Structures are given as C-alpha cells and as structure tokens.
Amino acid sequence: MRRSRYFSVGSLILAAILAVMICLPWFRIPVFEWSIPTPAWNRAGLACFALACLLMLRSIGGAAFRWPIRVLVFPAAYFWWESLAQMKVWGTRHLGSVQLDLATINQGLSSLGMEPVTVYDALAWKSLQPDYGWYGTGWTLLLVSVLTWADGPRFASCPRCSSLTNREDGYCFSCGESLRQVPGCTNCGSPAGPEDSFCRVCGDELRKNKE
C-alpha cells in the first residue's frame, strides 16, 4: 500500500512538472531580428499533454493507466527529439518564402537608404538551439520512463527453493511452499510461523490478527 502511494505521489509530481514544461519556451525563434519565445511545438506538445493527463489519472489511483503511460512515453520522447528539426524546417518553408516576397520591397528601401525588412535569417535559423523548456521536458520524460518501468507488480523469491514468484502468489509454483506469512503476535510481539494459529509464547490467537 505504501509503495503504491509513492508511485501515486510521483505520478502527480511528474504530471505537474510536465504540464509546466509544455508552457515554458522550447525555442526562441529569430523573426524580424527579434528572439521570440515559443512553447511546445505541434505533436510533441500534444503527446506530452496527453502523457501529463495519464499521469494525473494514475496519481488518483488508476493503476490501469500504467500501460497507456508506458506506450505513450516512447512516441512523446520521439516527437520531443524531432521538434528541433521540425522547427527549422517550418522556418525555412514558411518564413523563407515570405522573405523572398519582400525582395522587391527591400530593394526599394535600400535605394532610399532605409534598412531592409528581415523576416527570415537563414543563418540564424540554421543555428537555432532549443531553450530550457525543451531540455526540461526531456529530463521529465526520462523520469517518467524510470517511474513507469518501476511501477507495477514486483517479483519475490520463494524462501524454500528461491524460485521467482509474484507478490500476489499464495504458494510457490515450484515447491508448493506457502508464501503468505502470518504476522507476529500483536499481544507479545513474538514471531510466528506461517502455519501457526496461536502464539507459542502467550497463546494469543493469530488468525484473527491476520484477518
């Protein structure tokens, strides 16, 4: 129960961090010789937003959302990595054509001794680097991958034959050993064996403690 609570709290924290990272600047695009901050781009932002929603649902007790998180984290990471290349292509495709359309106007401005209008600077777009929001999202996706890998049923070993078993198993599939241990005596604190019904020290009934 405590372990599940840790994963719920961790999912809630990562969902909040990922939601914040989507809103932070991922790039600072050079337009009109300015550096304009832009948040998450295209499908990368949508995938991260969907992942944040799934993490939020996992945090309120939806253990069934573990697998959707595991499936979505990989395309989200891929879209995040490709967003830089997509941003450069977007600038070349859209702003580059606008700059060509302004060629005639810029010639007229230059003849009048005025500065030309620069919407698209090819060198600046080629050297475009991601901002701290992009890096923060990448680290958050890495933490989500670690969390969702650790989240789930873990394996234990049989005390008699050391075979790997699930935590929910009542008996070992290899040797038949009982895996459900009866808790110690609540009256005197003495340890108890798995088949004990009464405490060997004080005689208190153990089965009622188990129930």
N, C-alpha and C. Protein backbone atom coordinates (compact mmCIF):
# COMPACT_ATOMS: atom_id res chain seq x y z
N MET A 1 0.83 -1.20 0.00
CA MET A 1 0.00 0.00 0.00
C MET A 1 0.86 1.25 0.00
N ARG A 2 1.93 1.23 0.84
CA ARG A 2 2.81 2.39 0.90
C ARG A 2 3.54 2.58 -0.43
N ARG A 3 3.96 1.48 -1.04
CA ARG A 3 4.66 1.56 -2.31
C ARG A 3 3.77 2.14 -3.40
N SER A 4 2.50 1.75 -3.42
CA SER A 4 1.56 2.30 -4.39
C SER A 4 1.35 3.80 -4.16
N ARG A 5 1.38 4.22 -2.90
CA ARG A 5 1.22 5.64 -2.60
C ARG A 5 2.42 6.44 -3.12
N TYR A 6 3.60 5.86 -3.03
CA TYR A 6 4.78 6.53 -3.55
C TYR A 6 4.66 6.76 -5.05
N PHE A 7 4.18 5.75 -5.77
CA PHE A 7 4.03 5.89 -7.22
C PHE A 7 2.93 6.90 -7.55
N SER A 8 1.88 6.95 -6.75
CA SER A 8 0.82 7.93 -6.99
C SER A 8 1.34 9.35 -6.81
N VAL A 9 2.10 9.57 -5.73
CA VAL A 9 2.66 10.90 -5.49
C VAL A 9 3.67 11.26 -6.57
N GLY A 10 4.50 10.29 -6.96
CA GLY A 10 5.47 10.55 -8.01
C GLY A 10 4.81 10.88 -9.34
N SER A 11 3.72 10.18 -9.67
CA SER A 11 2.99 10.47 -10.91
C SER A 11 2.38 11.85 -10.88
N LEU A 12 1.87 12.25 -9.71
CA LEU A 12 1.28 13.58 -9.58
C LEU A 12 2.33 14.67 -9.78
N ILE A 13 3.50 14.48 -9.18
CA ILE A 13 4.57 15.47 -9.30
C ILE A 13 5.05 15.58 -10.74
N LEU A 14 5.25 14.44 -11.39
CA LEU A 14 5.73 14.46 -12.78
C LEU A 14 4.68 15.04 -13.72
N ALA A 15 3.40 14.78 -13.44
CA ALA A 15 2.34 15.36 -14.27
C ALA A 15 2.36 16.89 -14.17
N ALA A 16 2.55 17.40 -12.95
CA ALA A 16 2.60 18.86 -12.78
C ALA A 16 3.83 19.45 -13.46
N ILE A 17 4.98 18.78 -13.31
CA ILE A 17 6.21 19.30 -13.93
C ILE A 17 6.08 19.28 -15.45
N LEU A 18 5.53 18.19 -16.00
CA LEU A 18 5.40 18.10 -17.45
C LEU A 18 4.44 19.15 -17.99
N ALA A 19 3.36 19.42 -17.25
CA ALA A 19 2.42 20.46 -17.68
C ALA A 19 3.08 21.83 -17.68
N VAL A 20 3.94 22.09 -16.70
CA VAL A 20 4.65 23.37 -16.66
C VAL A 20 5.65 23.47 -17.81
N MET A 21 6.35 22.36 -18.08
CA MET A 21 7.37 22.37 -19.13
C MET A 21 6.76 22.61 -20.51
N ILE A 22 5.53 22.16 -20.72
CA ILE A 22 4.87 22.40 -22.00
C ILE A 22 4.64 23.89 -22.23
N CYS A 23 4.40 24.62 -21.14
CA CYS A 23 4.10 26.06 -21.26
C CYS A 23 5.35 26.92 -21.32
N LEU A 24 6.49 26.37 -20.92
CA LEU A 24 7.73 27.15 -20.96
C LEU A 24 8.26 27.24 -22.38
N PRO A 25 9.12 28.22 -22.66
CA PRO A 25 9.68 28.34 -24.02
C PRO A 25 10.56 27.14 -24.39
N TRP A 26 10.23 26.52 -25.50
CA TRP A 26 11.06 25.45 -26.05
C TRP A 26 12.11 26.01 -27.01
N PHE A 27 11.76 27.10 -27.70
CA PHE A 27 12.67 27.72 -28.66
C PHE A 27 12.52 29.23 -28.57
N ARG A 28 13.52 29.91 -29.09
CA ARG A 28 13.44 31.37 -29.26
C ARG A 28 13.73 31.64 -30.74
N ILE A 29 12.64 31.80 -31.48
CA ILE A 29 12.76 31.86 -32.95
C ILE A 29 13.16 33.27 -33.38
N PRO A 30 14.07 33.36 -34.35
CA PRO A 30 14.51 34.68 -34.84
C PRO A 30 13.59 35.20 -35.95
N VAL A 31 12.73 36.14 -35.61
CA VAL A 31 11.81 36.75 -36.57
C VAL A 31 11.90 38.26 -36.40
N PHE A 32 12.04 39.00 -37.53
CA PHE A 32 12.19 40.46 -37.50
C PHE A 32 13.37 40.88 -36.63
N GLU A 33 14.42 40.03 -36.62
CA GLU A 33 15.62 40.29 -35.83
C GLU A 33 15.32 40.30 -34.34
N TRP A 34 14.23 39.71 -33.94
CA TRP A 34 13.89 39.53 -32.54
C TRP A 34 14.05 38.06 -32.17
N SER A 35 14.05 37.79 -30.89
CA SER A 35 14.09 36.42 -30.39
C SER A 35 12.78 36.16 -29.66
N ILE A 36 11.85 35.51 -30.34
CA ILE A 36 10.50 35.32 -29.82
C ILE A 36 10.39 33.94 -29.15
N PRO A 37 10.07 33.88 -27.85
CA PRO A 37 9.93 32.57 -27.19
C PRO A 37 8.67 31.86 -27.65
N THR A 38 8.80 30.57 -27.88
CA THR A 38 7.66 29.74 -28.29
C THR A 38 7.58 28.51 -27.40
N PRO A 39 6.39 28.09 -27.01
CA PRO A 39 6.24 26.88 -26.17
C PRO A 39 6.30 25.60 -27.01
N ALA A 40 5.77 24.50 -26.47
CA ALA A 40 5.82 23.19 -27.13
C ALA A 40 5.27 23.26 -28.54
N TRP A 41 5.85 22.48 -29.43
CA TRP A 41 5.58 22.62 -30.87
C TRP A 41 4.85 21.39 -31.40
N ASN A 42 3.72 21.59 -32.04
CA ASN A 42 3.00 20.56 -32.79
C ASN A 42 2.70 19.32 -31.95
N ARG A 43 2.93 18.14 -32.55
CA ARG A 43 2.55 16.89 -31.91
C ARG A 43 3.38 16.57 -30.69
N ALA A 44 4.57 17.17 -30.54
CA ALA A 44 5.36 16.96 -29.33
C ALA A 44 4.61 17.49 -28.11
N GLY A 45 4.08 18.69 -28.23
CA GLY A 45 3.32 19.26 -27.12
C GLY A 45 2.04 18.49 -26.84
N LEU A 46 1.35 18.04 -27.90
CA LEU A 46 0.12 17.27 -27.71
C LEU A 46 0.40 15.95 -27.02
N ALA A 47 1.48 15.27 -27.43
CA ALA A 47 1.83 13.99 -26.81
C ALA A 47 2.21 14.18 -25.35
N CYS A 48 2.95 15.24 -25.05
CA CYS A 48 3.33 15.50 -23.65
C CYS A 48 2.12 15.88 -22.82
N PHE A 49 1.18 16.61 -23.41
CA PHE A 49 -0.05 16.96 -22.68
C PHE A 49 -0.87 15.72 -22.37
N ALA A 50 -1.02 14.82 -23.36
CA ALA A 50 -1.74 13.57 -23.12
C ALA A 50 -1.05 12.72 -22.06
N LEU A 51 0.29 12.71 -22.08
CA LEU A 51 1.04 11.96 -21.08
C LEU A 51 0.84 12.55 -19.69
N ALA A 52 0.79 13.87 -19.60
CA ALA A 52 0.54 14.51 -18.30
C ALA A 52 -0.85 14.15 -17.77
N CYS A 53 -1.84 14.07 -18.66
CA CYS A 53 -3.20 13.67 -18.24
C CYS A 53 -3.22 12.24 -17.72
N LEU A 54 -2.50 11.34 -18.40
CA LEU A 54 -2.45 9.95 -17.95
C LEU A 54 -1.74 9.83 -16.62
N LEU A 55 -0.69 10.62 -16.42
CA LEU A 55 -0.01 10.60 -15.12
C LEU A 55 -0.91 11.13 -14.02
N MET A 56 -1.73 12.11 -14.34
CA MET A 56 -2.67 12.62 -13.35
C MET A 56 -3.70 11.55 -12.98
N LEU A 57 -4.21 10.82 -13.97
CA LEU A 57 -5.15 9.74 -13.69
C LEU A 57 -4.49 8.63 -12.89
N ARG A 58 -3.22 8.35 -13.18
CA ARG A 58 -2.50 7.34 -12.39
C ARG A 58 -2.33 7.79 -10.95
N SER A 59 -2.17 9.07 -10.72
CA SER A 59 -1.93 9.57 -9.37
C SER A 59 -3.16 9.47 -8.47
N ILE A 60 -4.37 9.44 -9.06
CA ILE A 60 -5.58 9.37 -8.23
C ILE A 60 -6.05 7.93 -8.06
N GLY A 61 -5.16 6.99 -8.34
CA GLY A 61 -5.48 5.60 -8.06
C GLY A 61 -5.75 4.74 -9.25
N GLY A 62 -5.56 5.27 -10.45
CA GLY A 62 -5.82 4.49 -11.65
C GLY A 62 -4.62 3.65 -12.06
N ALA A 63 -4.42 2.53 -11.37
CA ALA A 63 -3.28 1.67 -11.68
C ALA A 63 -3.36 1.10 -13.09
N ALA A 64 -4.57 1.05 -13.65
CA ALA A 64 -4.73 0.53 -15.01
C ALA A 64 -4.11 1.45 -16.05
N PHE A 65 -3.77 2.70 -15.68
CA PHE A 65 -3.18 3.64 -16.62
C PHE A 65 -1.67 3.48 -16.73
N ARG A 66 -1.12 2.47 -16.05
CA ARG A 66 0.32 2.27 -16.16
C ARG A 66 0.73 1.90 -17.58
N TRP A 67 -0.01 1.02 -18.22
CA TRP A 67 0.36 0.59 -19.57
C TRP A 67 0.16 1.67 -20.62
N PRO A 68 -0.93 2.45 -20.58
CA PRO A 68 -1.00 3.58 -21.53
C PRO A 68 0.15 4.56 -21.38
N ILE A 69 0.61 4.78 -20.14
CA ILE A 69 1.76 5.66 -19.93
C ILE A 69 3.00 5.05 -20.56
N ARG A 70 3.19 3.75 -20.37
CA ARG A 70 4.37 3.08 -20.94
C ARG A 70 4.35 3.12 -22.46
N VAL A 71 3.16 3.04 -23.04
CA VAL A 71 3.06 3.06 -24.51
C VAL A 71 3.29 4.48 -25.05
N LEU A 72 2.74 5.48 -24.36
CA LEU A 72 2.78 6.85 -24.88
C LEU A 72 4.12 7.53 -24.66
N VAL A 73 4.88 7.11 -23.66
CA VAL A 73 6.12 7.81 -23.35
C VAL A 73 7.13 7.71 -24.49
N PHE A 74 7.09 6.64 -25.27
CA PHE A 74 8.05 6.48 -26.36
C PHE A 74 7.76 7.42 -27.54
N PRO A 75 6.51 7.49 -28.06
CA PRO A 75 6.27 8.48 -29.12
C PRO A 75 6.42 9.91 -28.63
N ALA A 76 6.09 10.17 -27.35
CA ALA A 76 6.28 11.52 -26.82
C ALA A 76 7.75 11.91 -26.84
N ALA A 77 8.62 10.96 -26.45
CA ALA A 77 10.06 11.23 -26.47
C ALA A 77 10.55 11.41 -27.90
N TYR A 78 10.01 10.65 -28.83
CA TYR A 78 10.43 10.78 -30.24
C TYR A 78 10.00 12.13 -30.81
N PHE A 79 8.76 12.53 -30.56
CA PHE A 79 8.28 13.82 -31.05
C PHE A 79 9.07 14.96 -30.42
N TRP A 80 9.40 14.80 -29.13
CA TRP A 80 10.19 15.83 -28.45
C TRP A 80 11.56 15.98 -29.13
N TRP A 81 12.20 14.89 -29.44
CA TRP A 81 13.53 14.93 -30.06
C TRP A 81 13.46 15.52 -31.47
N GLU A 82 12.41 15.21 -32.21
CA GLU A 82 12.28 15.69 -33.59
C GLU A 82 11.76 17.12 -33.68
N SER A 83 11.33 17.69 -32.56
CA SER A 83 10.73 19.03 -32.62
C SER A 83 11.74 20.09 -33.05
N LEU A 84 13.01 19.91 -32.73
CA LEU A 84 14.01 20.90 -33.14
C LEU A 84 14.16 20.92 -34.66
N ALA A 85 14.28 19.74 -35.26
CA ALA A 85 14.38 19.67 -36.72
C ALA A 85 13.11 20.19 -37.38
N GLN A 86 11.95 19.90 -36.79
CA GLN A 86 10.69 20.37 -37.36
C GLN A 86 10.59 21.89 -37.31
N MET A 87 11.10 22.48 -36.23
CA MET A 87 11.08 23.93 -36.12
C MET A 87 11.93 24.58 -37.20
N LYS A 88 13.11 24.03 -37.45
CA LYS A 88 13.99 24.58 -38.50
C LYS A 88 13.33 24.44 -39.88
N VAL A 89 12.69 23.30 -40.13
CA VAL A 89 12.02 23.09 -41.41
C VAL A 89 10.85 24.06 -41.57
N TRP A 90 10.13 24.29 -40.47
CA TRP A 90 8.99 25.21 -40.52
C TRP A 90 9.46 26.62 -40.88
N GLY A 91 10.56 27.06 -40.30
CA GLY A 91 11.06 28.39 -40.61
C GLY A 91 11.50 28.52 -42.06
N THR A 92 12.16 27.48 -42.57
CA THR A 92 12.61 27.52 -43.97
C THR A 92 11.43 27.50 -44.93
N ARG A 93 10.43 26.71 -44.60
CA ARG A 93 9.30 26.53 -45.51
C ARG A 93 8.39 27.73 -45.54
N HIS A 94 8.10 28.31 -44.41
CA HIS A 94 7.10 29.38 -44.35
C HIS A 94 7.73 30.78 -44.38
N LEU A 95 8.70 31.02 -43.52
CA LEU A 95 9.28 32.36 -43.45
C LEU A 95 10.25 32.63 -44.58
N GLY A 96 10.88 31.56 -45.10
CA GLY A 96 11.79 31.76 -46.22
C GLY A 96 11.06 32.29 -47.45
N SER A 97 9.88 31.76 -47.72
CA SER A 97 9.09 32.24 -48.86
C SER A 97 8.61 33.67 -48.64
N VAL A 98 8.32 34.04 -47.40
CA VAL A 98 7.91 35.42 -47.11
C VAL A 98 9.07 36.38 -47.38
N GLN A 99 10.28 35.96 -47.01
CA GLN A 99 11.44 36.81 -47.24
C GLN A 99 11.68 37.03 -48.73
N LEU A 100 11.45 36.00 -49.54
CA LEU A 100 11.60 36.15 -50.99
C LEU A 100 10.57 37.12 -51.55
N ASP A 101 9.36 37.09 -51.01
CA ASP A 101 8.33 38.00 -51.49
C ASP A 101 8.67 39.46 -51.15
N LEU A 102 9.49 39.66 -50.12
CA LEU A 102 9.86 41.02 -49.71
C LEU A 102 11.10 41.53 -50.44
N ALA A 103 11.62 40.73 -51.37
CA ALA A 103 12.86 41.13 -52.05
C ALA A 103 12.68 42.45 -52.79
N THR A 104 11.57 42.60 -53.50
CA THR A 104 11.33 43.84 -54.25
C THR A 104 11.20 45.03 -53.32
N ILE A 105 10.47 44.85 -52.24
CA ILE A 105 10.28 45.93 -51.27
C ILE A 105 11.62 46.32 -50.64
N ASN A 106 12.45 45.33 -50.32
CA ASN A 106 13.74 45.62 -49.71
C ASN A 106 14.66 46.38 -50.66
N GLN A 107 14.56 46.07 -51.97
CA GLN A 107 15.36 46.81 -52.93
C GLN A 107 14.96 48.30 -52.95
N GLY A 108 13.64 48.52 -52.86
CA GLY A 108 13.18 49.91 -52.82
C GLY A 108 13.61 50.62 -51.56
N LEU A 109 13.58 49.92 -50.43
CA LEU A 109 14.01 50.53 -49.16
C LEU A 109 15.51 50.82 -49.18
N SER A 110 16.27 49.90 -49.79
CA SER A 110 17.71 50.12 -49.85
C SER A 110 18.06 51.32 -50.72
N SER A 111 17.30 51.52 -51.80
CA SER A 111 17.55 52.67 -52.67
C SER A 111 17.24 53.99 -51.97
N LEU A 112 16.35 53.93 -50.99
CA LEU A 112 16.01 55.12 -50.21
C LEU A 112 16.90 55.29 -48.99
N GLY A 113 17.85 54.37 -48.80
CA GLY A 113 18.76 54.46 -47.66
C GLY A 113 18.16 53.94 -46.37
N MET A 114 17.12 53.13 -46.46
CA MET A 114 16.47 52.57 -45.28
C MET A 114 16.88 51.12 -45.10
N GLU A 115 16.73 50.65 -43.87
CA GLU A 115 17.08 49.27 -43.55
C GLU A 115 16.06 48.31 -44.16
N PRO A 116 16.52 47.20 -44.76
CA PRO A 116 15.57 46.23 -45.31
C PRO A 116 14.83 45.47 -44.21
N VAL A 117 13.68 44.97 -44.58
CA VAL A 117 12.87 44.18 -43.63
C VAL A 117 13.37 42.73 -43.66
N THR A 118 13.80 42.24 -42.49
CA THR A 118 14.34 40.88 -42.39
C THR A 118 13.40 40.02 -41.55
N VAL A 119 12.61 39.22 -42.26
CA VAL A 119 11.72 38.30 -41.56
C VAL A 119 12.42 36.97 -41.30
N TYR A 120 13.22 36.54 -42.25
CA TYR A 120 13.85 35.23 -42.16
C TYR A 120 15.35 35.38 -42.37
N ASP A 121 16.12 34.96 -41.37
CA ASP A 121 17.57 34.95 -41.46
C ASP A 121 18.01 33.49 -41.50
N ALA A 122 18.47 33.05 -42.66
CA ALA A 122 18.81 31.64 -42.86
C ALA A 122 19.88 31.17 -41.89
N LEU A 123 20.88 32.01 -41.64
CA LEU A 123 21.96 31.61 -40.73
C LEU A 123 21.46 31.45 -39.30
N ALA A 124 20.59 32.35 -38.87
CA ALA A 124 20.06 32.27 -37.50
C ALA A 124 19.17 31.04 -37.33
N TRP A 125 18.37 30.71 -38.33
CA TRP A 125 17.51 29.53 -38.23
C TRP A 125 18.33 28.24 -38.31
N LYS A 126 19.41 28.26 -39.06
CA LYS A 126 20.25 27.06 -39.16
C LYS A 126 20.94 26.77 -37.83
N SER A 127 21.30 27.81 -37.09
CA SER A 127 21.97 27.64 -35.80
C SER A 127 20.99 27.69 -34.62
N LEU A 128 19.69 27.51 -34.90
CA LEU A 128 18.68 27.57 -33.84
C LEU A 128 18.93 26.49 -32.79
N GLN A 129 18.92 26.89 -31.53
CA GLN A 129 19.13 25.96 -30.43
C GLN A 129 17.89 25.95 -29.53
N PRO A 130 17.57 24.78 -28.91
CA PRO A 130 16.41 24.71 -28.03
C PRO A 130 16.63 25.49 -26.74
N ASP A 131 15.53 25.87 -26.11
CA ASP A 131 15.58 26.63 -24.87
C ASP A 131 15.41 25.68 -23.68
N TYR A 132 15.37 26.25 -22.46
CA TYR A 132 15.36 25.43 -21.25
C TYR A 132 14.08 24.61 -21.11
N GLY A 133 12.99 25.07 -21.72
CA GLY A 133 11.76 24.27 -21.67
C GLY A 133 11.90 22.94 -22.40
N TRP A 134 12.63 22.96 -23.51
CA TRP A 134 12.87 21.73 -24.28
C TRP A 134 13.73 20.76 -23.49
N TYR A 135 14.79 21.27 -22.88
CA TYR A 135 15.65 20.41 -22.07
C TYR A 135 14.92 19.88 -20.84
N GLY A 136 14.15 20.75 -20.19
CA GLY A 136 13.40 20.29 -19.01
C GLY A 136 12.38 19.22 -19.34
N THR A 137 11.74 19.33 -20.51
CA THR A 137 10.81 18.30 -20.93
C THR A 137 11.51 16.97 -21.17
N GLY A 138 12.71 17.02 -21.75
CA GLY A 138 13.46 15.79 -21.98
C GLY A 138 13.81 15.08 -20.69
N TRP A 139 14.28 15.82 -19.69
CA TRP A 139 14.59 15.20 -18.40
C TRP A 139 13.33 14.67 -17.73
N THR A 140 12.22 15.38 -17.86
CA THR A 140 10.97 14.90 -17.27
C THR A 140 10.50 13.61 -17.93
N LEU A 141 10.62 13.52 -19.25
CA LEU A 141 10.26 12.28 -19.94
C LEU A 141 11.14 11.12 -19.50
N LEU A 142 12.41 11.40 -19.24
CA LEU A 142 13.30 10.35 -18.74
C LEU A 142 12.84 9.87 -17.36
N LEU A 143 12.46 10.79 -16.48
CA LEU A 143 11.97 10.40 -15.16
C LEU A 143 10.65 9.63 -15.26
N VAL A 144 9.79 10.01 -16.20
CA VAL A 144 8.54 9.27 -16.41
C VAL A 144 8.84 7.85 -16.86
N SER A 145 9.84 7.67 -17.72
CA SER A 145 10.21 6.34 -18.19
C SER A 145 10.70 5.47 -17.02
N VAL A 146 11.51 6.05 -16.15
CA VAL A 146 12.00 5.30 -14.98
C VAL A 146 10.86 4.95 -14.05
N LEU A 147 9.96 5.91 -13.82
CA LEU A 147 8.84 5.66 -12.90
C LEU A 147 7.91 4.58 -13.42
N THR A 148 7.57 4.65 -14.70
CA THR A 148 6.61 3.67 -15.24
C THR A 148 7.25 2.30 -15.38
N TRP A 149 8.59 2.23 -15.51
CA TRP A 149 9.26 0.93 -15.53
C TRP A 149 9.22 0.28 -14.15
N ALA A 150 9.38 1.09 -13.10
CA ALA A 150 9.38 0.55 -11.74
C ALA A 150 7.97 0.32 -11.21
N ASP A 151 6.99 1.00 -11.79
CA ASP A 151 5.61 0.90 -11.32
C ASP A 151 5.00 -0.41 -11.80
N GLY A 152 4.51 -1.22 -10.88
CA GLY A 152 3.88 -2.48 -11.24
C GLY A 152 4.25 -3.59 -10.28
N PRO A 153 3.67 -4.76 -10.46
CA PRO A 153 3.97 -5.88 -9.57
C PRO A 153 5.44 -6.25 -9.65
N ARG A 154 6.06 -6.42 -8.50
CA ARG A 154 7.44 -6.82 -8.45
C ARG A 154 7.55 -8.29 -8.08
N PHE A 155 8.69 -8.89 -8.32
CA PHE A 155 8.91 -10.30 -8.08
C PHE A 155 9.58 -10.52 -6.73
N ALA A 156 9.23 -11.66 -6.11
CA ALA A 156 9.86 -12.09 -4.87
C ALA A 156 10.40 -13.50 -5.09
N SER A 157 11.09 -14.02 -4.10
CA SER A 157 11.66 -15.36 -4.21
C SER A 157 11.09 -16.25 -3.12
N CYS A 158 10.93 -17.52 -3.46
CA CYS A 158 10.42 -18.49 -2.50
C CYS A 158 11.47 -18.74 -1.42
N PRO A 159 11.09 -18.73 -0.12
CA PRO A 159 12.08 -18.96 0.94
C PRO A 159 12.64 -20.38 0.94
N ARG A 160 11.95 -21.33 0.30
CA ARG A 160 12.45 -22.72 0.31
C ARG A 160 13.32 -23.02 -0.90
N CYS A 161 12.82 -22.73 -2.13
CA CYS A 161 13.57 -23.13 -3.34
C CYS A 161 14.12 -21.94 -4.12
N SER A 162 13.86 -20.69 -3.66
CA SER A 162 14.39 -19.46 -4.28
C SER A 162 13.84 -19.21 -5.68
N SER A 163 12.72 -19.83 -6.06
CA SER A 163 12.12 -19.56 -7.35
C SER A 163 11.46 -18.18 -7.35
N LEU A 164 11.50 -17.50 -8.50
CA LEU A 164 10.87 -16.19 -8.60
C LEU A 164 9.36 -16.32 -8.61
N THR A 165 8.70 -15.54 -7.79
CA THR A 165 7.24 -15.56 -7.69
C THR A 165 6.72 -14.14 -7.68
N ASN A 166 5.43 -13.99 -7.95
CA ASN A 166 4.78 -12.69 -7.86
C ASN A 166 4.43 -12.38 -6.41
N ARG A 167 4.29 -11.10 -6.13
CA ARG A 167 3.91 -10.69 -4.77
C ARG A 167 2.52 -11.20 -4.39
N GLU A 168 1.65 -11.38 -5.40
CA GLU A 168 0.28 -11.79 -5.12
C GLU A 168 0.13 -13.30 -4.96
N ASP A 169 1.17 -14.07 -5.26
CA ASP A 169 1.07 -15.52 -5.18
C ASP A 169 0.94 -15.98 -3.73
N GLY A 170 0.05 -16.95 -3.53
CA GLY A 170 -0.11 -17.52 -2.19
C GLY A 170 0.82 -18.69 -1.93
N TYR A 171 1.16 -19.44 -2.98
CA TYR A 171 2.03 -20.61 -2.85
C TYR A 171 3.03 -20.59 -3.99
N CYS A 172 4.19 -21.18 -3.75
CA CYS A 172 5.23 -21.28 -4.77
C CYS A 172 4.80 -22.29 -5.83
N PHE A 173 4.96 -21.91 -7.09
CA PHE A 173 4.56 -22.80 -8.18
C PHE A 173 5.53 -23.96 -8.36
N SER A 174 6.70 -23.87 -7.74
CA SER A 174 7.72 -24.90 -7.91
C SER A 174 7.69 -25.97 -6.82
N CYS A 175 7.63 -25.53 -5.56
CA CYS A 175 7.69 -26.49 -4.45
C CYS A 175 6.43 -26.50 -3.60
N GLY A 176 5.50 -25.56 -3.82
CA GLY A 176 4.25 -25.54 -3.06
C GLY A 176 4.36 -24.87 -1.71
N GLU A 177 5.47 -24.20 -1.41
CA GLU A 177 5.65 -23.53 -0.12
C GLU A 177 4.67 -22.36 0.00
N SER A 178 4.09 -22.21 1.19
CA SER A 178 3.18 -21.10 1.43
C SER A 178 3.98 -19.80 1.47
N LEU A 179 3.53 -18.83 0.70
CA LEU A 179 4.22 -17.56 0.62
C LEU A 179 3.58 -16.48 1.46
N ARG A 180 2.43 -16.74 2.02
CA ARG A 180 1.72 -15.75 2.84
C ARG A 180 2.12 -15.96 4.30
N GLN A 181 2.88 -15.03 4.80
CA GLN A 181 3.36 -15.12 6.18
C GLN A 181 2.34 -14.52 7.14
N VAL A 182 2.11 -15.25 8.23
CA VAL A 182 1.22 -14.74 9.27
C VAL A 182 1.99 -13.70 10.08
N PRO A 183 1.41 -12.55 10.36
CA PRO A 183 2.15 -11.54 11.12
C PRO A 183 2.45 -12.01 12.53
N GLY A 184 3.38 -11.36 13.14
CA GLY A 184 3.74 -11.70 14.51
C GLY A 184 2.60 -11.43 15.47
N CYS A 185 2.77 -11.93 16.68
CA CYS A 185 1.72 -11.78 17.70
C CYS A 185 1.57 -10.31 18.08
N THR A 186 0.38 -9.79 18.03
CA THR A 186 0.13 -8.41 18.40
C THR A 186 0.07 -8.21 19.90
N ASN A 187 -0.01 -9.33 20.65
CA ASN A 187 -0.11 -9.24 22.11
C ASN A 187 1.27 -9.11 22.75
N CYS A 188 2.21 -10.00 22.32
CA CYS A 188 3.54 -10.00 22.94
C CYS A 188 4.65 -9.68 21.96
N GLY A 189 4.34 -9.61 20.66
CA GLY A 189 5.34 -9.28 19.67
C GLY A 189 6.23 -10.41 19.24
N SER A 190 5.93 -11.63 19.65
CA SER A 190 6.77 -12.76 19.28
C SER A 190 6.54 -13.14 17.82
N PRO A 191 7.58 -13.61 17.13
CA PRO A 191 7.40 -14.04 15.73
C PRO A 191 6.56 -15.30 15.65
N ALA A 192 5.90 -15.49 14.51
CA ALA A 192 5.03 -16.65 14.32
C ALA A 192 5.34 -17.29 12.98
N GLY A 193 5.15 -18.60 12.89
CA GLY A 193 5.35 -19.33 11.66
C GLY A 193 4.14 -19.21 10.75
N PRO A 194 4.28 -19.61 9.50
CA PRO A 194 3.17 -19.47 8.55
C PRO A 194 1.97 -20.34 8.87
N GLU A 195 2.16 -21.45 9.58
CA GLU A 195 1.05 -22.35 9.89
C GLU A 195 0.54 -22.19 11.31
N ASP A 196 1.11 -21.29 12.10
CA ASP A 196 0.70 -21.12 13.49
C ASP A 196 -0.66 -20.44 13.57
N SER A 197 -1.52 -20.98 14.40
CA SER A 197 -2.83 -20.37 14.66
C SER A 197 -2.84 -19.63 15.98
N PHE A 198 -1.96 -20.01 16.91
CA PHE A 198 -1.86 -19.36 18.21
C PHE A 198 -0.40 -19.05 18.50
N CYS A 199 -0.18 -18.01 19.28
CA CYS A 199 1.17 -17.62 19.65
C CYS A 199 1.79 -18.69 20.54
N ARG A 200 3.07 -19.01 20.26
CA ARG A 200 3.76 -20.04 21.03
C ARG A 200 4.21 -19.52 22.39
N VAL A 201 4.14 -18.21 22.61
CA VAL A 201 4.61 -17.65 23.88
C VAL A 201 3.46 -17.32 24.82
N CYS A 202 2.47 -16.57 24.29
CA CYS A 202 1.38 -16.13 25.17
C CYS A 202 0.06 -16.81 24.87
N GLY A 203 -0.03 -17.55 23.76
CA GLY A 203 -1.25 -18.27 23.44
C GLY A 203 -2.32 -17.44 22.77
N ASP A 204 -2.01 -16.20 22.39
CA ASP A 204 -3.00 -15.35 21.73
C ASP A 204 -3.29 -15.87 20.32
N GLU A 205 -4.54 -15.73 19.89
CA GLU A 205 -4.92 -16.25 18.58
C GLU A 205 -4.33 -15.36 17.49
N LEU A 206 -3.67 -15.99 16.50
CA LEU A 206 -3.00 -15.26 15.43
C LEU A 206 -3.89 -15.07 14.22
N ARG A 207 -4.82 -16.00 13.99
CA ARG A 207 -5.65 -15.93 12.77
C ARG A 207 -6.52 -14.68 12.76
N LYS A 208 -6.98 -14.26 13.92
CA LYS A 208 -7.79 -13.05 13.96
C LYS A 208 -6.97 -11.81 13.61
N ASN A 209 -5.65 -11.86 13.94
CA ASN A 209 -4.79 -10.75 13.58
C ASN A 209 -4.59 -10.70 12.06
N LYS A 210 -4.52 -11.89 11.47
CA LYS A 210 -4.34 -11.95 10.03
C LYS A 210 -5.54 -11.41 9.30
N GLU A 211 -6.73 -11.73 9.83
CA GLU A 211 -7.97 -11.25 9.21
C GLU A 211 -8.14 -9.76 9.43
